[in-house]
Protein backbone atom coordinates (compact mmCIF):
# COMPACT_ATOMS: atom_id res chain seq x y z
CA ALA A 1 -11.65 -10.07 -12.04
CA ALA A 2 -12.74 -6.77 -10.33
CA ARG A 3 -9.21 -6.30 -9.01
CA ILE A 4 -7.50 -6.76 -12.45
CA ASP A 5 -10.17 -4.43 -14.05
CA GLU A 6 -9.19 -1.75 -11.51
CA ASN A 7 -5.63 -2.49 -11.80
CA LEU A 8 -5.68 -2.15 -15.56
CA ALA A 9 -7.53 0.94 -15.48
CA LEU A 10 -5.28 2.60 -12.93
CA LEU A 11 -2.44 1.63 -15.10
CA GLY A 12 -4.18 2.93 -18.29
CA ARG A 13 -4.51 6.49 -16.66
CA GLY A 14 -1.22 6.78 -15.04
CA LEU A 15 1.26 5.53 -17.72
CA SER A 16 2.29 7.18 -21.03
CA PRO A 17 0.50 5.38 -23.74
CA ALA A 18 3.39 6.18 -26.23
CA SER A 19 5.95 4.32 -23.81
CA PHE A 20 4.02 1.59 -22.54
CA GLY A 21 0.90 1.57 -24.53
CA ASP A 22 1.69 -1.47 -26.59
CA LEU A 23 2.51 -3.77 -23.64
CA LEU A 24 -0.65 -2.37 -21.46
CA SER A 25 -2.72 -3.38 -24.73
CA ALA A 26 -1.53 -6.78 -25.00
CA VAL A 27 -2.02 -7.48 -21.14
CA GLN A 28 -5.67 -5.96 -21.46
CA ALA A 29 -6.48 -7.92 -24.73
CA THR A 30 -5.29 -11.31 -23.10
CA TRP A 31 -7.35 -10.51 -19.65
CA SER A 32 -10.09 -9.91 -21.87
CA THR A 33 -10.13 -13.37 -23.61
CA LEU A 34 -9.26 -14.91 -19.91
CA HIS A 35 -12.14 -12.90 -18.51
CA GLN A 36 -14.61 -14.15 -21.33
CA ALA A 37 -13.49 -17.87 -20.91
CA LEU A 38 -14.36 -17.69 -17.27
CA GLN A 39 -17.86 -16.59 -17.53
CA GLY A 40 -20.56 -19.06 -17.21
CA ALA A 41 -20.66 -22.43 -15.23
CA PRO A 42 -17.01 -24.11 -14.80
CA ARG A 43 -16.41 -26.81 -17.34
CA LEU A 44 -13.31 -29.56 -16.99
CA GLU A 45 -13.08 -29.49 -20.68
CA ALA A 46 -12.15 -25.87 -21.02
CA LEU A 47 -9.60 -26.10 -18.23
CA VAL A 48 -6.46 -26.71 -20.56
CA GLU A 49 -7.41 -23.69 -22.55
CA ILE A 50 -8.08 -21.60 -19.65
CA ASP A 51 -4.85 -22.56 -18.27
CA ALA A 52 -2.83 -21.65 -21.42
CA VAL A 53 -4.26 -18.14 -21.72
CA ALA A 54 -3.68 -17.41 -18.15
CA GLN A 55 -0.23 -18.66 -18.53
CA ASP A 56 0.03 -16.11 -21.61
CA LEU A 57 -1.39 -13.43 -19.20
CA LEU A 58 1.26 -13.77 -16.79
CA GLU A 59 4.02 -13.94 -19.27
CA GLN A 60 2.64 -10.47 -20.60
CA ALA A 61 2.25 -9.17 -17.02
CA GLU A 62 6.04 -10.33 -16.17
CA ARG A 63 7.33 -8.51 -19.53
CA PHE A 64 4.99 -5.57 -18.76
CA THR A 65 6.58 -5.31 -15.27
CA GLY A 66 10.03 -5.80 -16.27
CA VAL A 67 9.88 -2.66 -18.71
CA LEU A 68 8.33 -0.97 -15.89
CA GLY A 69 10.95 -1.66 -13.63
CA GLN A 70 13.66 -0.69 -16.10
CA ALA A 71 11.91 2.58 -16.60
CA MET A 72 11.41 3.16 -12.87
CA PRO A 73 14.52 1.76 -11.15
CA ALA A 74 13.52 2.82 -7.62
CA PRO A 75 14.66 0.15 -5.06
CA THR A 76 10.79 0.38 -3.67
CA LEU A 77 9.86 -0.87 -7.09
CA HIS A 78 11.93 -3.89 -6.94
CA ILE A 79 10.86 -5.01 -3.41
CA ILE A 80 7.02 -4.85 -4.48
CA ASN A 81 7.99 -6.55 -7.51
CA THR A 82 9.77 -9.40 -5.64
CA ALA A 83 6.85 -9.74 -3.15
CA GLY A 84 4.33 -9.88 -6.04
CA ARG A 85 6.04 -12.77 -7.64
CA GLN A 86 6.47 -14.56 -4.55
CA ARG A 87 2.56 -14.30 -4.08
CA MET A 88 2.08 -15.40 -8.00
CA LEU A 89 4.41 -18.26 -7.71
CA SER A 90 2.65 -19.61 -4.67
CA GLN A 91 -0.70 -19.58 -6.57
CA ARG A 92 1.07 -21.17 -9.47
CA LEU A 93 2.14 -23.96 -7.31
CA ALA A 94 -1.54 -24.31 -6.08
CA LYS A 95 -2.79 -24.16 -9.50
CA GLN A 96 -0.45 -26.98 -10.67
CA VAL A 97 -1.58 -29.29 -7.75
CA LEU A 98 -5.39 -28.67 -8.61
CA LEU A 99 -4.55 -29.29 -12.46
CA ALA A 100 -2.62 -32.58 -11.68
CA HIS A 101 -5.37 -33.48 -9.78
CA TRP A 102 -8.42 -32.70 -12.26
CA LEU A 103 -6.93 -32.90 -15.62
CA PRO A 104 -6.77 -36.49 -17.29
CA GLY A 105 -3.75 -37.97 -18.91
CA THR A 106 -0.98 -36.15 -20.18
CA HIS A 107 -2.48 -32.83 -19.35
CA GLY A 108 -2.71 -33.43 -15.75
CA GLN A 109 1.06 -34.88 -15.80
CA ALA A 110 2.25 -32.07 -17.49
């Protein structure tokens, strides 16, 4: 959570609000919702909702990264994005295995 806060603060300081503000604001708002949902003791009944918000955050971050990649088409940025995406995909796979194990019924099967 601290790393996400730091990354969003860095992006906020380093990017033009006129160019990227709407995308960054959407990511920040969804992160705020997810961060709030993660407070307190873990509850199995909240897992489906938390997973949905986390997926929304992932999709917004991917859109944001795509726009940044188009605006700054340096080969290095592409390599960094590819490496980050591979990390994200491995984390998503681990999450799906955990959800399949812990969620009952159709939620776990999905």
